[in-house]
Amino acid sequence: MPTDKAMPDTGRGGKMRLDKWLWAARFFKTRSLASQAIEQGCAKLAGERVKPAREIGPGDRLDLHIGDADWTVTVRALSMQRGPAPVAQALYEEDPASHVRRQQQASERKLVASPAAAIKGRPTKRDRRLIHRFTDE
């Protein structure tokens, strides 16, 4: 049974640091990664760049750019502690258009083969000779 700290706080009066909320909602593995992403402009509150210590509360709208994915979420609850994934997913509500956009991006990534997929381990003796011919001449 989760502790009271892990359960989302749905109270309207509560406020929390943005970096701590992103960590608790499992968007980032550590608070320092969340802070770095906010500093780089990957997280925007109501379309504006903010600092990691910015206070957020339920009802705030966040635009997140994490890796290749773009999220638009609304803060539903606050949690002072990082909990299991189902609890973390209860902390926010994703915009339906954002969800559709992320699904399309994921399907496009599956269709495009990565160039590194063909490389398997170290070069063979023949590959090494070709590399040396290419770089020496």
N, C-alpha and C. Protein backbone atom coordinates (compact mmCIF):
# COMPACT_ATOMS: atom_id res chain seq x y z
N MET A 1 0.84 -1.17 0.00
CA MET A 1 0.00 0.00 0.00
C MET A 1 0.88 1.24 0.00
N PRO A 2 0.72 2.17 -0.93
CA PRO A 2 1.56 3.35 -0.98
C PRO A 2 1.34 4.24 0.23
N THR A 3 2.41 4.96 0.59
CA THR A 3 2.31 5.88 1.70
C THR A 3 1.53 7.12 1.28
N ASP A 4 1.18 7.95 2.26
CA ASP A 4 0.44 9.17 1.97
C ASP A 4 1.22 10.11 1.08
N LYS A 5 2.56 10.09 1.20
CA LYS A 5 3.38 10.98 0.37
C LYS A 5 3.32 10.59 -1.10
N ALA A 6 3.16 9.28 -1.37
CA ALA A 6 3.14 8.82 -2.76
C ALA A 6 1.79 9.08 -3.43
N MET A 7 0.76 9.21 -2.64
CA MET A 7 -0.57 9.45 -3.19
C MET A 7 -0.65 10.89 -3.68
N PRO A 8 -1.26 11.12 -4.83
CA PRO A 8 -1.37 12.48 -5.36
C PRO A 8 -2.19 13.38 -4.44
N ASP A 9 -1.74 14.61 -4.32
CA ASP A 9 -2.46 15.62 -3.56
C ASP A 9 -3.27 16.43 -4.55
N THR A 10 -4.58 16.29 -4.52
CA THR A 10 -5.43 16.97 -5.49
C THR A 10 -5.91 18.32 -4.98
N GLY A 11 -5.41 18.74 -3.84
CA GLY A 11 -5.84 20.02 -3.28
C GLY A 11 -5.47 21.18 -4.20
N ARG A 12 -6.34 22.16 -4.32
CA ARG A 12 -6.12 23.30 -5.22
C ARG A 12 -5.09 24.26 -4.66
N GLY A 13 -4.92 24.32 -3.34
CA GLY A 13 -4.06 25.34 -2.76
C GLY A 13 -2.59 25.00 -2.81
N GLY A 14 -2.22 23.75 -3.07
CA GLY A 14 -0.83 23.33 -3.02
C GLY A 14 -0.01 23.85 -4.19
N LYS A 15 1.26 24.10 -3.91
CA LYS A 15 2.22 24.50 -4.93
C LYS A 15 3.46 23.63 -4.78
N MET A 16 4.20 23.48 -5.87
CA MET A 16 5.38 22.62 -5.87
C MET A 16 6.36 23.11 -6.91
N ARG A 17 7.66 22.86 -6.70
CA ARG A 17 8.67 23.23 -7.68
C ARG A 17 8.47 22.42 -8.96
N LEU A 18 8.69 23.07 -10.10
CA LEU A 18 8.50 22.41 -11.38
C LEU A 18 9.42 21.23 -11.56
N ASP A 19 10.71 21.36 -11.22
CA ASP A 19 11.65 20.25 -11.41
C ASP A 19 11.28 19.05 -10.54
N LYS A 20 10.81 19.31 -9.33
CA LYS A 20 10.42 18.21 -8.45
C LYS A 20 9.17 17.51 -8.97
N TRP A 21 8.23 18.28 -9.52
CA TRP A 21 7.02 17.67 -10.07
C TRP A 21 7.35 16.82 -11.29
N LEU A 22 8.21 17.31 -12.19
CA LEU A 22 8.59 16.53 -13.37
C LEU A 22 9.26 15.22 -12.98
N TRP A 23 10.06 15.28 -11.91
CA TRP A 23 10.70 14.06 -11.40
C TRP A 23 9.66 13.12 -10.81
N ALA A 24 8.73 13.65 -9.99
CA ALA A 24 7.71 12.82 -9.35
C ALA A 24 6.75 12.22 -10.38
N ALA A 25 6.50 12.95 -11.48
CA ALA A 25 5.60 12.46 -12.53
C ALA A 25 6.32 11.53 -13.51
N ARG A 26 7.58 11.24 -13.24
CA ARG A 26 8.39 10.30 -14.02
C ARG A 26 8.67 10.74 -15.45
N PHE A 27 8.75 12.04 -15.67
CA PHE A 27 9.19 12.51 -16.98
C PHE A 27 10.71 12.45 -17.06
N PHE A 28 11.39 12.57 -15.92
CA PHE A 28 12.84 12.50 -15.85
C PHE A 28 13.25 11.58 -14.72
N LYS A 29 14.42 10.94 -14.88
CA LYS A 29 14.88 9.96 -13.90
C LYS A 29 15.40 10.63 -12.63
N THR A 30 15.98 11.80 -12.75
CA THR A 30 16.49 12.52 -11.58
C THR A 30 16.05 13.97 -11.62
N ARG A 31 16.10 14.62 -10.46
CA ARG A 31 15.73 16.04 -10.40
C ARG A 31 16.76 16.89 -11.13
N SER A 32 18.01 16.48 -11.12
CA SER A 32 19.03 17.27 -11.81
C SER A 32 18.82 17.22 -13.33
N LEU A 33 18.39 16.07 -13.86
CA LEU A 33 18.06 15.99 -15.29
C LEU A 33 16.86 16.87 -15.62
N ALA A 34 15.88 16.89 -14.71
CA ALA A 34 14.72 17.75 -14.91
C ALA A 34 15.13 19.21 -14.90
N SER A 35 16.00 19.59 -13.98
CA SER A 35 16.48 20.98 -13.90
C SER A 35 17.24 21.38 -15.15
N GLN A 36 18.10 20.48 -15.65
CA GLN A 36 18.86 20.77 -16.87
C GLN A 36 17.92 20.96 -18.05
N ALA A 37 16.92 20.13 -18.17
CA ALA A 37 15.97 20.24 -19.28
C ALA A 37 15.20 21.55 -19.20
N ILE A 38 14.82 21.95 -18.01
CA ILE A 38 14.09 23.22 -17.85
C ILE A 38 14.99 24.38 -18.23
N GLU A 39 16.25 24.34 -17.79
CA GLU A 39 17.21 25.41 -18.13
C GLU A 39 17.44 25.50 -19.64
N GLN A 40 17.39 24.36 -20.33
CA GLN A 40 17.60 24.34 -21.78
C GLN A 40 16.34 24.73 -22.55
N GLY A 41 15.25 24.94 -21.86
CA GLY A 41 14.01 25.36 -22.51
C GLY A 41 13.14 24.22 -22.98
N CYS A 42 13.37 23.02 -22.49
CA CYS A 42 12.57 21.87 -22.91
C CYS A 42 11.23 21.80 -22.19
N ALA A 43 11.06 22.59 -21.14
CA ALA A 43 9.79 22.63 -20.42
C ALA A 43 9.32 24.08 -20.35
N LYS A 44 8.10 24.31 -20.80
CA LYS A 44 7.54 25.66 -20.79
C LYS A 44 6.21 25.64 -20.06
N LEU A 45 5.99 26.65 -19.26
CA LEU A 45 4.75 26.80 -18.51
C LEU A 45 3.92 27.86 -19.20
N ALA A 46 2.79 27.47 -19.72
CA ALA A 46 1.89 28.37 -20.46
C ALA A 46 2.62 29.03 -21.62
N GLY A 47 3.51 28.29 -22.27
CA GLY A 47 4.22 28.79 -23.45
C GLY A 47 5.43 29.64 -23.15
N GLU A 48 5.78 29.85 -21.88
CA GLU A 48 6.93 30.70 -21.52
C GLU A 48 7.99 29.86 -20.83
N ARG A 49 9.27 30.23 -21.10
CA ARG A 49 10.38 29.57 -20.43
C ARG A 49 10.35 29.95 -18.96
N VAL A 50 10.67 28.99 -18.11
CA VAL A 50 10.68 29.23 -16.67
C VAL A 50 11.94 28.63 -16.06
N LYS A 51 12.14 28.90 -14.79
CA LYS A 51 13.27 28.34 -14.05
C LYS A 51 12.82 27.09 -13.31
N PRO A 52 13.76 26.22 -12.92
CA PRO A 52 13.39 24.98 -12.24
C PRO A 52 12.64 25.20 -10.92
N ALA A 53 12.88 26.30 -10.24
CA ALA A 53 12.25 26.54 -8.95
C ALA A 53 10.86 27.15 -9.08
N ARG A 54 10.37 27.33 -10.28
CA ARG A 54 9.04 27.93 -10.50
C ARG A 54 7.97 27.07 -9.84
N GLU A 55 7.09 27.71 -9.11
CA GLU A 55 6.02 27.01 -8.42
C GLU A 55 4.89 26.70 -9.41
N ILE A 56 4.42 25.47 -9.38
CA ILE A 56 3.28 25.09 -10.22
C ILE A 56 2.21 24.48 -9.32
N GLY A 57 1.02 24.42 -9.84
CA GLY A 57 -0.09 23.83 -9.09
C GLY A 57 -1.06 23.17 -10.05
N PRO A 58 -2.08 22.54 -9.50
CA PRO A 58 -3.08 21.89 -10.35
C PRO A 58 -3.73 22.90 -11.29
N GLY A 59 -3.91 22.47 -12.54
CA GLY A 59 -4.52 23.33 -13.55
C GLY A 59 -3.50 24.01 -14.45
N ASP A 60 -2.23 24.01 -14.09
CA ASP A 60 -1.20 24.62 -14.93
C ASP A 60 -0.95 23.75 -16.16
N ARG A 61 -0.65 24.41 -17.28
CA ARG A 61 -0.43 23.72 -18.57
C ARG A 61 1.06 23.76 -18.90
N LEU A 62 1.64 22.60 -19.19
CA LEU A 62 3.06 22.48 -19.50
C LEU A 62 3.26 21.96 -20.92
N ASP A 63 4.25 22.53 -21.61
CA ASP A 63 4.69 22.03 -22.90
C ASP A 63 6.07 21.44 -22.68
N LEU A 64 6.23 20.15 -22.94
CA LEU A 64 7.48 19.45 -22.69
C LEU A 64 8.05 18.90 -23.99
N HIS A 65 9.36 19.02 -24.14
CA HIS A 65 10.06 18.42 -25.28
C HIS A 65 11.11 17.49 -24.69
N ILE A 66 10.83 16.19 -24.74
CA ILE A 66 11.72 15.19 -24.15
C ILE A 66 12.15 14.23 -25.23
N GLY A 67 13.44 14.26 -25.57
CA GLY A 67 13.94 13.42 -26.66
C GLY A 67 13.31 13.86 -27.96
N ASP A 68 12.64 12.93 -28.63
CA ASP A 68 11.95 13.24 -29.88
C ASP A 68 10.47 13.55 -29.65
N ALA A 69 10.00 13.38 -28.43
CA ALA A 69 8.58 13.52 -28.15
C ALA A 69 8.23 14.91 -27.62
N ASP A 70 7.08 15.41 -28.05
CA ASP A 70 6.53 16.67 -27.55
C ASP A 70 5.25 16.36 -26.80
N TRP A 71 5.20 16.78 -25.54
CA TRP A 71 4.06 16.54 -24.67
C TRP A 71 3.38 17.87 -24.36
N THR A 72 2.07 17.86 -24.29
CA THR A 72 1.30 18.99 -23.77
C THR A 72 0.43 18.40 -22.67
N VAL A 73 0.73 18.76 -21.42
CA VAL A 73 0.03 18.16 -20.29
C VAL A 73 -0.54 19.24 -19.38
N THR A 74 -1.56 18.87 -18.65
CA THR A 74 -2.15 19.73 -17.64
C THR A 74 -1.91 19.06 -16.29
N VAL A 75 -1.39 19.82 -15.34
CA VAL A 75 -1.12 19.30 -14.00
C VAL A 75 -2.45 19.04 -13.31
N ARG A 76 -2.66 17.80 -12.88
CA ARG A 76 -3.90 17.45 -12.18
C ARG A 76 -3.69 17.38 -10.68
N ALA A 77 -2.51 16.93 -10.26
CA ALA A 77 -2.25 16.75 -8.83
C ALA A 77 -0.76 16.91 -8.56
N LEU A 78 -0.42 17.01 -7.29
CA LEU A 78 0.96 17.15 -6.85
C LEU A 78 1.32 15.94 -5.99
N SER A 79 2.57 15.56 -6.03
CA SER A 79 3.05 14.47 -5.18
C SER A 79 4.42 14.85 -4.67
N MET A 80 4.63 14.76 -3.38
CA MET A 80 5.90 15.14 -2.78
C MET A 80 6.94 14.05 -2.92
N GLN A 81 6.54 12.88 -3.42
CA GLN A 81 7.45 11.76 -3.52
C GLN A 81 7.24 11.05 -4.85
N ARG A 82 8.31 10.51 -5.41
CA ARG A 82 8.21 9.74 -6.65
C ARG A 82 7.62 8.37 -6.32
N GLY A 83 6.53 8.05 -6.97
CA GLY A 83 5.86 6.78 -6.68
C GLY A 83 5.84 5.88 -7.90
N PRO A 84 5.03 4.83 -7.85
CA PRO A 84 4.93 3.92 -8.99
C PRO A 84 4.29 4.60 -10.20
N ALA A 85 4.45 3.99 -11.35
CA ALA A 85 3.99 4.58 -12.60
C ALA A 85 2.50 4.92 -12.60
N PRO A 86 1.61 4.07 -12.10
CA PRO A 86 0.19 4.45 -12.12
C PRO A 86 -0.11 5.71 -11.30
N VAL A 87 0.60 5.88 -10.19
CA VAL A 87 0.43 7.09 -9.37
C VAL A 87 0.98 8.29 -10.12
N ALA A 88 2.12 8.11 -10.78
CA ALA A 88 2.74 9.21 -11.54
C ALA A 88 1.84 9.64 -12.70
N GLN A 89 1.19 8.70 -13.36
CA GLN A 89 0.32 9.04 -14.48
C GLN A 89 -0.94 9.76 -14.02
N ALA A 90 -1.29 9.60 -12.76
CA ALA A 90 -2.46 10.30 -12.22
C ALA A 90 -2.15 11.77 -11.92
N LEU A 91 -0.87 12.15 -11.98
CA LEU A 91 -0.48 13.52 -11.67
C LEU A 91 -0.74 14.48 -12.83
N TYR A 92 -0.94 13.95 -14.03
CA TYR A 92 -1.13 14.83 -15.19
C TYR A 92 -2.16 14.24 -16.14
N GLU A 93 -2.64 15.12 -17.01
CA GLU A 93 -3.56 14.70 -18.07
C GLU A 93 -3.00 15.21 -19.39
N GLU A 94 -2.75 14.31 -20.31
CA GLU A 94 -2.17 14.69 -21.60
C GLU A 94 -3.26 15.17 -22.55
N ASP A 95 -2.94 16.21 -23.29
CA ASP A 95 -3.85 16.75 -24.29
C ASP A 95 -4.06 15.69 -25.37
N PRO A 96 -5.30 15.45 -25.85
CA PRO A 96 -5.53 14.42 -26.88
C PRO A 96 -4.73 14.66 -28.16
N ALA A 97 -4.59 15.91 -28.58
CA ALA A 97 -3.81 16.21 -29.78
C ALA A 97 -2.34 15.85 -29.57
N SER A 98 -1.84 16.08 -28.36
CA SER A 98 -0.46 15.73 -28.04
C SER A 98 -0.25 14.22 -28.10
N HIS A 99 -1.22 13.47 -27.59
CA HIS A 99 -1.13 12.02 -27.60
C HIS A 99 -1.10 11.48 -29.04
N VAL A 100 -1.97 12.01 -29.89
CA VAL A 100 -2.01 11.59 -31.29
C VAL A 100 -0.69 11.92 -31.99
N ARG A 101 -0.16 13.12 -31.72
CA ARG A 101 1.11 13.55 -32.32
C ARG A 101 2.26 12.63 -31.89
N ARG A 102 2.31 12.25 -30.62
CA ARG A 102 3.36 11.36 -30.14
C ARG A 102 3.24 9.98 -30.77
N GLN A 103 2.01 9.47 -30.95
CA GLN A 103 1.82 8.17 -31.58
C GLN A 103 2.27 8.19 -33.03
N GLN A 104 2.00 9.29 -33.75
CA GLN A 104 2.45 9.42 -35.13
C GLN A 104 3.97 9.46 -35.21
N GLN A 105 4.60 10.19 -34.30
CA GLN A 105 6.06 10.26 -34.28
C GLN A 105 6.66 8.88 -34.01
N ALA A 106 6.05 8.13 -33.12
CA ALA A 106 6.55 6.78 -32.80
C ALA A 106 6.42 5.85 -34.00
N SER A 107 5.31 5.94 -34.71
CA SER A 107 5.14 5.07 -35.88
C SER A 107 6.10 5.46 -37.00
N GLU A 108 6.39 6.75 -37.15
CA GLU A 108 7.36 7.19 -38.16
C GLU A 108 8.76 6.70 -37.81
N ARG A 109 9.11 6.70 -36.53
CA ARG A 109 10.43 6.22 -36.12
C ARG A 109 10.57 4.74 -36.39
N LYS A 110 9.49 3.97 -36.26
CA LYS A 110 9.55 2.53 -36.52
C LYS A 110 9.77 2.24 -38.00
N LEU A 111 9.23 3.09 -38.87
CA LEU A 111 9.37 2.88 -40.31
C LEU A 111 10.76 3.22 -40.83
N VAL A 112 11.41 4.18 -40.21
CA VAL A 112 12.73 4.61 -40.66
C VAL A 112 13.79 3.76 -39.98
N ALA A 113 14.61 3.08 -40.80
CA ALA A 113 15.69 2.26 -40.26
C ALA A 113 16.85 3.15 -39.86
N SER A 114 17.41 2.89 -38.70
CA SER A 114 18.54 3.69 -38.25
C SER A 114 19.81 3.21 -38.96
N PRO A 115 20.71 4.14 -39.33
CA PRO A 115 21.94 3.73 -40.02
C PRO A 115 22.83 2.83 -39.17
N ALA A 116 22.76 2.98 -37.87
CA ALA A 116 23.62 2.17 -37.00
C ALA A 116 23.12 0.74 -36.86
N ALA A 117 21.92 0.46 -37.31
CA ALA A 117 21.36 -0.89 -37.17
C ALA A 117 22.14 -1.92 -37.99
N ALA A 118 22.74 -1.50 -39.10
CA ALA A 118 23.49 -2.42 -39.95
C ALA A 118 24.87 -2.74 -39.38
N ILE A 119 25.37 -1.92 -38.50
CA ILE A 119 26.70 -2.13 -37.93
C ILE A 119 26.60 -3.13 -36.79
N LYS A 120 27.39 -4.19 -36.90
CA LYS A 120 27.36 -5.22 -35.88
C LYS A 120 28.79 -5.45 -35.38
N GLY A 121 29.10 -4.88 -34.23
CA GLY A 121 30.40 -5.14 -33.60
C GLY A 121 31.57 -4.47 -34.31
N ARG A 122 32.72 -5.08 -34.15
CA ARG A 122 33.96 -4.53 -34.71
C ARG A 122 34.03 -4.77 -36.21
N PRO A 123 34.80 -3.91 -36.92
CA PRO A 123 34.96 -4.14 -38.36
C PRO A 123 35.77 -5.41 -38.62
N THR A 124 35.45 -6.07 -39.71
CA THR A 124 36.20 -7.26 -40.11
C THR A 124 37.53 -6.82 -40.72
N LYS A 125 38.37 -7.79 -41.02
CA LYS A 125 39.66 -7.47 -41.62
C LYS A 125 39.46 -6.77 -42.96
N ARG A 126 38.50 -7.24 -43.73
CA ARG A 126 38.21 -6.62 -45.02
C ARG A 126 37.69 -5.19 -44.83
N ASP A 127 36.77 -5.00 -43.86
CA ASP A 127 36.26 -3.66 -43.57
C ASP A 127 37.38 -2.72 -43.15
N ARG A 128 38.30 -3.23 -42.32
CA ARG A 128 39.41 -2.40 -41.85
C ARG A 128 40.30 -1.97 -43.02
N ARG A 129 40.55 -2.87 -43.94
CA ARG A 129 41.35 -2.51 -45.12
C ARG A 129 40.65 -1.44 -45.95
N LEU A 130 39.33 -1.57 -46.13
CA LEU A 130 38.59 -0.55 -46.87
C LEU A 130 38.61 0.80 -46.15
N ILE A 131 38.52 0.77 -44.86
CA ILE A 131 38.58 2.02 -44.08
C ILE A 131 39.94 2.68 -44.24
N HIS A 132 41.00 1.88 -44.14
CA HIS A 132 42.35 2.43 -44.30
C HIS A 132 42.57 2.98 -45.71
N ARG A 133 42.06 2.29 -46.72
CA ARG A 133 42.18 2.80 -48.11
C ARG A 133 41.46 4.13 -48.24
N PHE A 134 40.31 4.23 -47.64
CA PHE A 134 39.51 5.45 -47.75
C PHE A 134 40.18 6.61 -47.00
N THR A 135 40.70 6.37 -45.82
CA THR A 135 41.27 7.45 -45.03
C THR A 135 42.67 7.82 -45.44
N ASP A 136 43.47 6.88 -45.99
CA ASP A 136 44.84 7.18 -46.38
C ASP A 136 44.92 7.92 -47.71
N GLU A 137 44.00 7.69 -48.60
CA GLU A 137 44.10 8.30 -49.92
C GLU A 137 43.21 9.49 -50.07
